[in-house]
Amino acid sequence: VIPDPEGISDITYILAKDKNHVYYENVFGAMRTLDDADPETFSFIGNAAATVFVKDKNSVYYWSDTNSGDENQENFVLLDGADPATFSAVSVEGKNISDNYPYAMDKNHVYYFDSFTGTASVVFGANPATFTSALAVTLAKAAALPSSNEFASDSVRVYLDGKAVADADPRSFTAANDAAAYPYFSDFYVDSSH
């Protein structure tokens, strides 16, 4: 498929569209077409520089940068079951929080993008109505931890890397005093209610 040179427009640094198709550059630098995407309603979710989730009126996709060794590989993967009408990034404001916050949600589910595996999945048990990034912001401010953006909470659970932290209370969970020395280990966060 050859883009219409008169009507092509950039969406982000790896995405473009014309009246007929959405195009992207895969991990090998090859131009690919996102075949089922609707160019008229296609948009990225969140930060354009960290394009992880994209959607159109029919579907939600996520970027997987895993390398299959095939230069024609597809890098945008359909996020099964996601509701494009209500799908959005979980907003984050605060010191040391990455623009690439790995959580998104729709009216039914919360989703986590695992940058190590290049996959997105439903966060089991998370409640989209009360899900928030406030814990990540609080932890970042308390301990100046750049890795705290993997944390989130809802009204009953604390989440780290898209999984519930056993027995952690979201109302009292905080950074331990020495957490800054070990920013990649969740053991240095404490639940002050225990």
N, C-alpha and C. Protein backbone atom coordinates (compact mmCIF):
# COMPACT_ATOMS: atom_id res chain seq x y z
N VAL A 1 0.85 -1.18 0.00
CA VAL A 1 0.00 0.00 0.00
C VAL A 1 0.88 1.23 0.00
N ILE A 2 0.61 2.15 -0.91
CA ILE A 2 1.39 3.38 -1.02
C ILE A 2 0.56 4.55 -0.49
N PRO A 3 1.11 5.30 0.48
CA PRO A 3 0.37 6.44 1.03
C PRO A 3 0.06 7.49 -0.03
N ASP A 4 -1.04 8.19 0.17
CA ASP A 4 -1.42 9.30 -0.68
C ASP A 4 -0.54 10.49 -0.33
N PRO A 5 0.39 10.90 -1.20
CA PRO A 5 1.33 11.97 -0.85
C PRO A 5 0.66 13.31 -0.59
N GLU A 6 -0.50 13.52 -1.16
CA GLU A 6 -1.22 14.79 -0.95
C GLU A 6 -1.92 14.84 0.40
N GLY A 7 -2.35 13.67 0.89
CA GLY A 7 -3.18 13.68 2.09
C GLY A 7 -2.57 13.06 3.32
N ILE A 8 -1.28 12.71 3.29
CA ILE A 8 -0.67 12.07 4.45
C ILE A 8 -0.35 13.10 5.52
N SER A 9 -0.58 12.70 6.78
CA SER A 9 -0.25 13.59 7.89
C SER A 9 0.36 12.78 9.02
N ASP A 10 1.30 13.40 9.72
CA ASP A 10 1.94 12.75 10.86
C ASP A 10 1.01 12.75 12.06
N ILE A 11 1.04 11.64 12.80
CA ILE A 11 0.31 11.56 14.07
C ILE A 11 1.32 11.65 15.20
N THR A 12 2.34 10.80 15.15
CA THR A 12 3.48 10.84 16.09
C THR A 12 4.73 10.54 15.27
N TYR A 13 5.85 10.39 15.96
CA TYR A 13 7.10 10.16 15.23
C TYR A 13 7.13 8.82 14.50
N ILE A 14 6.28 7.85 14.86
CA ILE A 14 6.26 6.57 14.13
C ILE A 14 4.93 6.31 13.43
N LEU A 15 3.97 7.21 13.56
CA LEU A 15 2.64 7.02 13.00
C LEU A 15 2.28 8.12 12.01
N ALA A 16 1.59 7.73 10.96
CA ALA A 16 1.07 8.70 9.99
C ALA A 16 -0.22 8.11 9.42
N LYS A 17 -1.01 8.96 8.76
CA LYS A 17 -2.24 8.46 8.15
C LYS A 17 -2.57 9.29 6.92
N ASP A 18 -3.34 8.68 6.03
CA ASP A 18 -3.97 9.39 4.93
C ASP A 18 -5.45 9.05 4.99
N LYS A 19 -6.22 9.38 3.97
CA LYS A 19 -7.66 9.16 4.03
C LYS A 19 -8.04 7.68 4.01
N ASN A 20 -7.10 6.81 3.62
CA ASN A 20 -7.41 5.39 3.48
C ASN A 20 -6.79 4.48 4.52
N HIS A 21 -5.64 4.86 5.06
CA HIS A 21 -4.90 3.94 5.93
C HIS A 21 -4.17 4.67 7.05
N VAL A 22 -3.79 3.85 8.08
CA VAL A 22 -2.87 4.30 9.13
C VAL A 22 -1.57 3.54 8.90
N TYR A 23 -0.44 4.26 8.98
CA TYR A 23 0.88 3.70 8.73
C TYR A 23 1.74 3.85 9.97
N TYR A 24 2.68 2.91 10.11
CA TYR A 24 3.65 3.05 11.19
C TYR A 24 4.97 2.43 10.78
N GLU A 25 6.00 2.83 11.50
CA GLU A 25 7.33 2.29 11.27
C GLU A 25 7.57 1.18 12.30
N ASN A 26 7.82 -0.05 11.84
CA ASN A 26 8.04 -1.14 12.79
C ASN A 26 9.46 -1.08 13.35
N VAL A 27 9.80 -2.05 14.20
CA VAL A 27 11.10 -2.02 14.88
C VAL A 27 12.28 -2.15 13.93
N PHE A 28 12.06 -2.58 12.70
CA PHE A 28 13.12 -2.68 11.70
C PHE A 28 13.20 -1.44 10.81
N GLY A 29 12.32 -0.47 11.05
CA GLY A 29 12.29 0.73 10.23
C GLY A 29 11.47 0.58 8.97
N ALA A 30 10.76 -0.55 8.83
CA ALA A 30 9.92 -0.77 7.65
C ALA A 30 8.55 -0.14 7.84
N MET A 31 8.03 0.47 6.79
CA MET A 31 6.70 1.07 6.84
C MET A 31 5.66 -0.04 6.77
N ARG A 32 4.75 -0.06 7.74
CA ARG A 32 3.69 -1.05 7.81
C ARG A 32 2.35 -0.33 7.82
N THR A 33 1.30 -1.05 7.44
CA THR A 33 -0.07 -0.53 7.48
C THR A 33 -0.82 -1.21 8.61
N LEU A 34 -1.51 -0.43 9.43
CA LEU A 34 -2.38 -1.00 10.45
C LEU A 34 -3.71 -1.25 9.76
N ASP A 35 -3.85 -2.46 9.21
CA ASP A 35 -4.88 -2.78 8.23
C ASP A 35 -6.31 -2.44 8.63
N ASP A 36 -6.73 -2.77 9.83
CA ASP A 36 -8.13 -2.58 10.20
C ASP A 36 -8.42 -1.23 10.85
N ALA A 37 -7.42 -0.39 10.98
CA ALA A 37 -7.62 0.89 11.66
C ALA A 37 -8.40 1.88 10.78
N ASP A 38 -9.24 2.66 11.43
CA ASP A 38 -10.01 3.70 10.75
C ASP A 38 -9.23 5.02 10.85
N PRO A 39 -8.70 5.52 9.73
CA PRO A 39 -7.86 6.73 9.79
C PRO A 39 -8.60 7.97 10.30
N GLU A 40 -9.88 8.04 10.05
CA GLU A 40 -10.64 9.23 10.45
C GLU A 40 -10.72 9.37 11.97
N THR A 41 -10.82 8.25 12.69
CA THR A 41 -10.98 8.32 14.15
C THR A 41 -9.73 7.85 14.90
N PHE A 42 -8.65 7.57 14.20
CA PHE A 42 -7.44 7.03 14.81
C PHE A 42 -6.71 8.09 15.62
N SER A 43 -6.27 7.71 16.84
CA SER A 43 -5.51 8.64 17.68
C SER A 43 -4.63 7.86 18.65
N PHE A 44 -3.60 8.52 19.19
CA PHE A 44 -2.78 7.90 20.23
C PHE A 44 -3.38 8.25 21.57
N ILE A 45 -3.04 7.45 22.57
CA ILE A 45 -3.55 7.66 23.93
C ILE A 45 -2.39 8.14 24.79
N GLY A 46 -2.53 9.27 25.43
CA GLY A 46 -1.49 9.77 26.31
C GLY A 46 -0.45 10.57 25.58
N ASN A 47 0.82 10.31 25.88
CA ASN A 47 1.95 11.07 25.38
C ASN A 47 2.37 10.58 23.99
N ALA A 48 2.41 11.45 23.02
CA ALA A 48 2.79 11.07 21.65
C ALA A 48 4.20 10.52 21.58
N ALA A 49 5.10 11.00 22.41
CA ALA A 49 6.48 10.52 22.39
C ALA A 49 6.61 9.11 22.94
N ALA A 50 5.63 8.68 23.70
CA ALA A 50 5.67 7.34 24.30
C ALA A 50 4.45 6.55 23.83
N THR A 51 4.24 6.51 22.54
CA THR A 51 3.06 5.86 21.98
C THR A 51 3.03 4.39 22.34
N VAL A 52 2.24 4.05 23.33
CA VAL A 52 2.05 2.66 23.74
C VAL A 52 0.67 2.19 23.30
N PHE A 53 -0.35 3.00 23.60
CA PHE A 53 -1.72 2.65 23.24
C PHE A 53 -2.24 3.60 22.17
N VAL A 54 -2.95 3.05 21.19
CA VAL A 54 -3.62 3.82 20.16
C VAL A 54 -5.02 3.24 19.98
N LYS A 55 -5.92 4.04 19.39
CA LYS A 55 -7.26 3.53 19.21
C LYS A 55 -7.92 4.20 18.01
N ASP A 56 -9.00 3.58 17.56
CA ASP A 56 -9.93 4.19 16.61
C ASP A 56 -11.32 3.89 17.14
N LYS A 57 -12.35 4.14 16.36
CA LYS A 57 -13.72 3.97 16.84
C LYS A 57 -14.07 2.50 17.11
N ASN A 58 -13.29 1.57 16.56
CA ASN A 58 -13.61 0.15 16.68
C ASN A 58 -12.71 -0.65 17.62
N SER A 59 -11.47 -0.22 17.78
CA SER A 59 -10.49 -1.06 18.48
C SER A 59 -9.45 -0.25 19.24
N VAL A 60 -8.77 -0.94 20.15
CA VAL A 60 -7.62 -0.40 20.87
C VAL A 60 -6.45 -1.32 20.56
N TYR A 61 -5.27 -0.72 20.33
CA TYR A 61 -4.06 -1.47 20.04
C TYR A 61 -2.96 -1.01 20.99
N TYR A 62 -1.96 -1.87 21.18
CA TYR A 62 -0.78 -1.46 21.92
C TYR A 62 0.46 -1.78 21.11
N TRP A 63 1.51 -1.02 21.37
CA TRP A 63 2.78 -1.19 20.66
C TRP A 63 3.60 -2.26 21.36
N SER A 64 4.02 -3.25 20.63
CA SER A 64 4.90 -4.29 21.14
C SER A 64 6.20 -4.22 20.36
N ASP A 65 7.29 -3.90 21.05
CA ASP A 65 8.56 -3.77 20.34
C ASP A 65 9.39 -5.04 20.41
N THR A 66 8.74 -6.16 20.70
CA THR A 66 9.46 -7.43 20.66
C THR A 66 9.90 -7.70 19.23
N ASN A 67 11.04 -8.32 19.10
CA ASN A 67 11.65 -8.53 17.79
C ASN A 67 11.52 -9.99 17.38
N SER A 68 10.70 -10.27 16.38
CA SER A 68 10.49 -11.64 15.91
C SER A 68 11.57 -12.06 14.92
N GLY A 69 12.38 -11.12 14.45
CA GLY A 69 13.37 -11.42 13.44
C GLY A 69 12.84 -11.26 12.02
N ASP A 70 11.54 -11.01 11.89
CA ASP A 70 10.91 -10.82 10.58
C ASP A 70 10.73 -9.33 10.34
N GLU A 71 11.40 -8.79 9.32
CA GLU A 71 11.32 -7.35 9.09
C GLU A 71 9.93 -6.88 8.70
N ASN A 72 9.03 -7.80 8.37
CA ASN A 72 7.64 -7.44 8.06
C ASN A 72 6.70 -7.62 9.25
N GLN A 73 7.28 -7.80 10.42
CA GLN A 73 6.43 -8.06 11.59
C GLN A 73 5.51 -6.89 11.89
N GLU A 74 4.38 -7.22 12.48
CA GLU A 74 3.42 -6.22 12.95
C GLU A 74 3.82 -5.85 14.37
N ASN A 75 3.81 -4.57 14.71
CA ASN A 75 4.15 -4.16 16.06
C ASN A 75 2.97 -3.64 16.85
N PHE A 76 1.88 -3.30 16.21
CA PHE A 76 0.70 -2.92 16.95
C PHE A 76 -0.19 -4.14 17.10
N VAL A 77 -0.56 -4.45 18.34
CA VAL A 77 -1.31 -5.65 18.65
C VAL A 77 -2.69 -5.23 19.17
N LEU A 78 -3.73 -5.92 18.71
CA LEU A 78 -5.09 -5.65 19.16
C LEU A 78 -5.21 -5.97 20.65
N LEU A 79 -5.77 -5.06 21.43
CA LEU A 79 -6.02 -5.29 22.84
C LEU A 79 -7.44 -5.83 22.96
N ASP A 80 -7.55 -7.14 22.99
CA ASP A 80 -8.85 -7.80 23.00
C ASP A 80 -9.72 -7.35 24.15
N GLY A 81 -10.98 -7.06 23.86
CA GLY A 81 -11.96 -6.73 24.88
C GLY A 81 -11.97 -5.28 25.32
N ALA A 82 -11.00 -4.48 24.89
CA ALA A 82 -10.96 -3.08 25.31
C ALA A 82 -12.06 -2.28 24.63
N ASP A 83 -12.65 -1.35 25.35
CA ASP A 83 -13.73 -0.51 24.83
C ASP A 83 -13.14 0.81 24.33
N PRO A 84 -13.06 1.00 23.01
CA PRO A 84 -12.42 2.21 22.49
C PRO A 84 -13.14 3.51 22.87
N ALA A 85 -14.44 3.45 23.08
CA ALA A 85 -15.19 4.66 23.42
C ALA A 85 -14.80 5.23 24.78
N THR A 86 -14.40 4.36 25.72
CA THR A 86 -14.06 4.83 27.07
C THR A 86 -12.59 4.63 27.42
N PHE A 87 -11.79 4.12 26.49
CA PHE A 87 -10.39 3.81 26.77
C PHE A 87 -9.58 5.10 26.90
N SER A 88 -8.76 5.18 27.96
CA SER A 88 -7.91 6.36 28.16
C SER A 88 -6.69 5.98 28.98
N ALA A 89 -5.67 6.81 28.91
CA ALA A 89 -4.50 6.62 29.76
C ALA A 89 -4.87 7.02 31.18
N VAL A 90 -4.27 6.37 32.16
CA VAL A 90 -4.43 6.81 33.54
C VAL A 90 -3.55 8.03 33.69
N SER A 91 -4.13 9.16 34.03
CA SER A 91 -3.36 10.40 34.07
C SER A 91 -2.42 10.43 35.26
N VAL A 92 -1.27 11.04 35.03
CA VAL A 92 -0.22 11.13 36.04
C VAL A 92 0.30 12.55 36.08
N GLU A 93 0.36 13.09 37.27
CA GLU A 93 1.00 14.39 37.44
C GLU A 93 1.90 14.28 38.65
N GLY A 94 3.11 14.73 38.52
CA GLY A 94 3.98 14.70 39.69
C GLY A 94 5.43 14.50 39.34
N LYS A 95 6.25 14.78 40.29
CA LYS A 95 7.70 14.71 40.16
C LYS A 95 8.15 13.26 39.90
N ASN A 96 9.09 13.10 38.98
CA ASN A 96 9.74 11.83 38.68
C ASN A 96 8.82 10.75 38.12
N ILE A 97 7.66 11.12 37.62
CA ILE A 97 6.78 10.12 37.02
C ILE A 97 7.01 10.14 35.52
N SER A 98 7.25 8.99 34.97
CA SER A 98 7.54 8.86 33.54
C SER A 98 6.34 9.27 32.70
N ASP A 99 6.62 9.82 31.51
CA ASP A 99 5.55 10.08 30.55
C ASP A 99 4.98 8.78 30.02
N ASN A 100 5.69 7.71 30.24
CA ASN A 100 5.26 6.42 29.73
C ASN A 100 4.63 5.59 30.85
N TYR A 101 3.69 6.18 31.59
CA TYR A 101 3.02 5.47 32.68
C TYR A 101 2.31 4.25 32.10
N PRO A 102 2.54 3.07 32.66
CA PRO A 102 2.12 1.83 32.01
C PRO A 102 0.66 1.43 32.19
N TYR A 103 -0.14 2.27 32.82
CA TYR A 103 -1.53 1.89 33.07
C TYR A 103 -2.50 2.69 32.19
N ALA A 104 -3.54 2.00 31.75
CA ALA A 104 -4.63 2.62 30.99
C ALA A 104 -5.91 1.92 31.44
N MET A 105 -7.07 2.48 31.07
CA MET A 105 -8.31 1.84 31.49
C MET A 105 -9.46 2.20 30.56
N ASP A 106 -10.50 1.38 30.65
CA ASP A 106 -11.78 1.69 30.03
C ASP A 106 -12.85 1.50 31.10
N LYS A 107 -14.11 1.52 30.73
CA LYS A 107 -15.18 1.44 31.73
C LYS A 107 -15.22 0.09 32.44
N ASN A 108 -14.60 -0.94 31.85
CA ASN A 108 -14.68 -2.29 32.40
C ASN A 108 -13.40 -2.79 33.06
N HIS A 109 -12.24 -2.33 32.59
CA HIS A 109 -10.98 -2.91 33.03
C HIS A 109 -9.88 -1.86 33.17
N VAL A 110 -8.86 -2.24 33.93
CA VAL A 110 -7.60 -1.51 33.98
C VAL A 110 -6.59 -2.39 33.25
N TYR A 111 -5.71 -1.77 32.48
CA TYR A 111 -4.72 -2.50 31.69
C TYR A 111 -3.32 -2.06 32.09
N TYR A 112 -2.39 -3.00 32.01
CA TYR A 112 -0.99 -2.71 32.33
C TYR A 112 -0.13 -3.09 31.13
N PHE A 113 0.75 -2.19 30.72
CA PHE A 113 1.70 -2.49 29.65
C PHE A 113 3.03 -2.86 30.27
N ASP A 114 3.48 -4.08 30.03
CA ASP A 114 4.76 -4.56 30.54
C ASP A 114 5.83 -4.30 29.50
N SER A 115 6.69 -3.34 29.76
CA SER A 115 7.70 -2.94 28.78
C SER A 115 8.78 -4.01 28.58
N PHE A 116 8.93 -4.92 29.54
CA PHE A 116 9.93 -5.98 29.38
C PHE A 116 9.46 -7.06 28.42
N THR A 117 8.18 -7.42 28.48
CA THR A 117 7.65 -8.46 27.60
C THR A 117 7.00 -7.89 26.34
N GLY A 118 6.72 -6.59 26.34
CA GLY A 118 6.06 -5.97 25.20
C GLY A 118 4.61 -6.38 25.07
N THR A 119 3.97 -6.68 26.21
CA THR A 119 2.57 -7.11 26.19
C THR A 119 1.72 -6.24 27.11
N ALA A 120 0.44 -6.17 26.80
CA ALA A 120 -0.52 -5.47 27.65
C ALA A 120 -1.58 -6.47 28.07
N SER A 121 -2.05 -6.33 29.31
CA SER A 121 -3.06 -7.25 29.80
C SER A 121 -3.94 -6.58 30.85
N VAL A 122 -5.04 -7.23 31.17
CA VAL A 122 -5.96 -6.73 32.19
C VAL A 122 -5.29 -6.89 33.55
N VAL A 123 -5.43 -5.87 34.41
CA VAL A 123 -4.95 -5.94 35.79
C VAL A 123 -6.06 -6.63 36.59
N PHE A 124 -5.80 -7.86 36.98
CA PHE A 124 -6.80 -8.67 37.66
C PHE A 124 -7.28 -8.02 38.95
N GLY A 125 -8.58 -7.86 39.08
CA GLY A 125 -9.20 -7.33 40.29
C GLY A 125 -9.23 -5.82 40.40
N ALA A 126 -8.58 -5.09 39.52
CA ALA A 126 -8.53 -3.63 39.62
C ALA A 126 -9.88 -3.01 39.25
N ASN A 127 -10.27 -2.01 40.00
CA ASN A 127 -11.54 -1.32 39.78
C ASN A 127 -11.30 -0.02 39.03
N PRO A 128 -11.75 0.08 37.77
CA PRO A 128 -11.50 1.31 37.00
C PRO A 128 -12.14 2.55 37.62
N ALA A 129 -13.21 2.37 38.37
CA ALA A 129 -13.90 3.52 38.96
C ALA A 129 -13.07 4.20 40.05
N THR A 130 -12.18 3.45 40.72
CA THR A 130 -11.38 4.03 41.79
C THR A 130 -9.87 3.95 41.53
N PHE A 131 -9.47 3.47 40.36
CA PHE A 131 -8.05 3.29 40.05
C PHE A 131 -7.38 4.64 39.86
N THR A 132 -6.18 4.79 40.44
CA THR A 132 -5.50 6.08 40.40
C THR A 132 -3.99 5.92 40.39
N SER A 133 -3.33 6.92 39.87
CA SER A 133 -1.86 6.98 39.89
C SER A 133 -1.35 7.76 41.09
N ALA A 134 -2.23 8.20 41.98
CA ALA A 134 -1.83 9.05 43.11
C ALA A 134 -0.75 8.41 43.96
N LEU A 135 -0.79 7.08 44.12
CA LEU A 135 0.24 6.41 44.91
C LEU A 135 1.61 6.56 44.27
N ALA A 136 1.70 6.43 42.96
CA ALA A 136 2.97 6.60 42.26
C ALA A 136 3.51 8.01 42.47
N VAL A 137 2.64 8.98 42.41
CA VAL A 137 3.05 10.37 42.62
C VAL A 137 3.55 10.57 44.05
N THR A 138 2.82 10.04 45.02
CA THR A 138 3.19 10.16 46.44
C THR A 138 4.54 9.50 46.70
N LEU A 139 4.73 8.28 46.18
CA LEU A 139 5.99 7.58 46.39
C LEU A 139 7.15 8.31 45.74
N ALA A 140 6.94 8.85 44.56
CA ALA A 140 8.01 9.58 43.87
C ALA A 140 8.42 10.81 44.67
N LYS A 141 7.45 11.51 45.22
CA LYS A 141 7.77 12.71 46.01
C LYS A 141 8.45 12.34 47.32
N ALA A 142 8.02 11.24 47.95
CA ALA A 142 8.57 10.85 49.24
C ALA A 142 10.01 10.38 49.14
N ALA A 143 10.33 9.65 48.09
CA ALA A 143 11.66 9.04 48.02
C ALA A 143 12.44 9.39 46.77
N ALA A 144 11.91 10.27 45.94
CA ALA A 144 12.55 10.65 44.68
C ALA A 144 12.91 9.42 43.85
N LEU A 145 11.95 8.53 43.71
CA LEU A 145 12.18 7.27 43.00
C LEU A 145 11.65 7.31 41.59
N PRO A 146 12.51 7.24 40.58
CA PRO A 146 12.01 7.21 39.21
C PRO A 146 11.24 5.94 38.90
N SER A 147 11.50 4.84 39.64
CA SER A 147 10.82 3.58 39.36
C SER A 147 9.44 3.50 39.99
N SER A 148 9.02 4.50 40.73
CA SER A 148 7.73 4.44 41.41
C SER A 148 6.56 4.51 40.44
N ASN A 149 6.81 4.79 39.15
CA ASN A 149 5.71 4.87 38.21
C ASN A 149 5.08 3.51 37.91
N GLU A 150 5.64 2.43 38.44
CA GLU A 150 5.03 1.12 38.27
C GLU A 150 3.96 0.88 39.33
N PHE A 151 3.83 1.79 40.29
CA PHE A 151 2.84 1.65 41.35
C PHE A 151 1.53 2.31 40.97
N ALA A 152 0.45 1.78 41.50
CA ALA A 152 -0.88 2.37 41.36
C ALA A 152 -1.74 1.77 42.48
N SER A 153 -2.97 2.25 42.59
CA SER A 153 -3.88 1.70 43.59
C SER A 153 -5.32 1.93 43.17
N ASP A 154 -6.21 1.16 43.80
CA ASP A 154 -7.63 1.45 43.73
C ASP A 154 -8.11 1.53 45.17
N SER A 155 -9.38 1.47 45.43
CA SER A 155 -9.87 1.66 46.79
C SER A 155 -9.51 0.53 47.74
N VAL A 156 -9.11 -0.64 47.22
CA VAL A 156 -8.82 -1.77 48.10
C VAL A 156 -7.44 -2.40 47.93
N ARG A 157 -6.73 -2.10 46.86
CA ARG A 157 -5.46 -2.77 46.59
C ARG A 157 -4.38 -1.79 46.14
N VAL A 158 -3.12 -2.20 46.37
CA VAL A 158 -1.94 -1.54 45.82
C VAL A 158 -1.44 -2.44 44.70
N TYR A 159 -1.00 -1.86 43.60
CA TYR A 159 -0.50 -2.63 42.46
C TYR A 159 0.94 -2.22 42.15
N LEU A 160 1.73 -3.22 41.82
CA LEU A 160 3.10 -3.01 41.37
C LEU A 160 3.27 -3.87 40.12
N ASP A 161 3.71 -3.27 39.04
CA ASP A 161 3.91 -3.99 37.78
C ASP A 161 2.64 -4.72 37.34
N GLY A 162 1.49 -4.11 37.58
CA GLY A 162 0.22 -4.68 37.12
C GLY A 162 -0.32 -5.81 37.97
N LYS A 163 0.28 -6.06 39.13
CA LYS A 163 -0.17 -7.14 40.01
C LYS A 163 -0.44 -6.59 41.40
N ALA A 164 -1.43 -7.16 42.07
CA ALA A 164 -1.76 -6.72 43.43
C ALA A 164 -0.62 -7.08 44.39
N VAL A 165 -0.32 -6.17 45.30
CA VAL A 165 0.66 -6.41 46.35
C VAL A 165 -0.11 -6.99 47.53
N ALA A 166 0.21 -8.21 47.92
CA ALA A 166 -0.53 -8.92 48.96
C ALA A 166 -0.57 -8.14 50.26
N ASP A 167 -1.76 -8.03 50.83
CA ASP A 167 -2.00 -7.42 52.15
C ASP A 167 -1.63 -5.95 52.26
N ALA A 168 -1.38 -5.27 51.16
CA ALA A 168 -1.02 -3.85 51.22
C ALA A 168 -2.28 -2.99 51.25
N ASP A 169 -2.29 -2.01 52.12
CA ASP A 169 -3.42 -1.10 52.27
C ASP A 169 -3.13 0.19 51.49
N PRO A 170 -3.95 0.52 50.50
CA PRO A 170 -3.65 1.72 49.69
C PRO A 170 -3.71 3.03 50.46
N ARG A 171 -4.36 3.04 51.62
CA ARG A 171 -4.46 4.28 52.40
C ARG A 171 -3.21 4.53 53.24
N SER A 172 -2.40 3.49 53.50
CA SER A 172 -1.24 3.68 54.37
C SER A 172 0.09 3.27 53.73
N PHE A 173 0.07 2.83 52.50
CA PHE A 173 1.28 2.37 51.81
C PHE A 173 2.17 3.56 51.49
N THR A 174 3.46 3.46 51.81
CA THR A 174 4.37 4.57 51.59
C THR A 174 5.79 4.06 51.36
N ALA A 175 6.70 4.94 51.05
CA ALA A 175 8.11 4.57 50.86
C ALA A 175 8.80 4.46 52.20
N ALA A 176 9.63 3.44 52.37
CA ALA A 176 10.44 3.30 53.58
C ALA A 176 11.57 4.33 53.51
N ASN A 177 12.17 4.64 54.64
CA ASN A 177 13.22 5.66 54.69
C ASN A 177 14.39 5.37 53.78
N ASP A 178 14.76 4.08 53.63
CA ASP A 178 15.93 3.75 52.82
C ASP A 178 15.56 3.31 51.41
N ALA A 179 14.34 3.59 50.98
CA ALA A 179 13.89 3.16 49.65
C ALA A 179 14.72 3.78 48.53
N ALA A 180 15.21 4.98 48.72
CA ALA A 180 15.97 5.65 47.66
C ALA A 180 17.26 4.90 47.32
N ALA A 181 17.81 4.18 48.30
CA ALA A 181 19.03 3.43 48.05
C ALA A 181 18.78 2.18 47.20
N TYR A 182 17.53 1.72 47.17
CA TYR A 182 17.18 0.49 46.46
C TYR A 182 15.92 0.71 45.64
N PRO A 183 15.96 1.57 44.64
CA PRO A 183 14.73 1.96 43.95
C PRO A 183 14.05 0.87 43.14
N TYR A 184 14.71 -0.25 42.89
CA TYR A 184 14.09 -1.26 42.05
C TYR A 184 13.55 -2.45 42.84
N PHE A 185 13.56 -2.36 44.16
CA PHE A 185 13.07 -3.45 44.98
C PHE A 185 11.85 -3.02 45.77
N SER A 186 10.72 -3.68 45.54
CA SER A 186 9.49 -3.30 46.20
C SER A 186 9.53 -3.60 47.69
N ASP A 187 10.49 -4.42 48.17
CA ASP A 187 10.59 -4.74 49.59
C ASP A 187 10.88 -3.49 50.44
N PHE A 188 11.32 -2.42 49.82
CA PHE A 188 11.67 -1.23 50.55
C PHE A 188 10.52 -0.22 50.62
N TYR A 189 9.34 -0.71 50.34
CA TYR A 189 8.13 0.08 50.54
C TYR A 189 7.39 -0.57 51.70
N VAL A 190 6.77 0.23 52.51
CA VAL A 190 6.12 -0.31 53.69
C VAL A 190 4.66 0.09 53.75
N ASP A 191 3.90 -0.76 54.40
CA ASP A 191 2.49 -0.47 54.69
C ASP A 191 2.47 -0.08 56.17
N SER A 192 2.28 1.17 56.47
CA SER A 192 2.40 1.65 57.83
C SER A 192 1.27 1.16 58.74
N SER A 193 0.28 0.48 58.19
CA SER A 193 -0.80 -0.03 59.03
C SER A 193 -0.43 -1.39 59.65
N HIS A 194 0.70 -1.99 59.21
CA HIS A 194 1.10 -3.31 59.76
C HIS A 194 2.26 -3.17 60.71
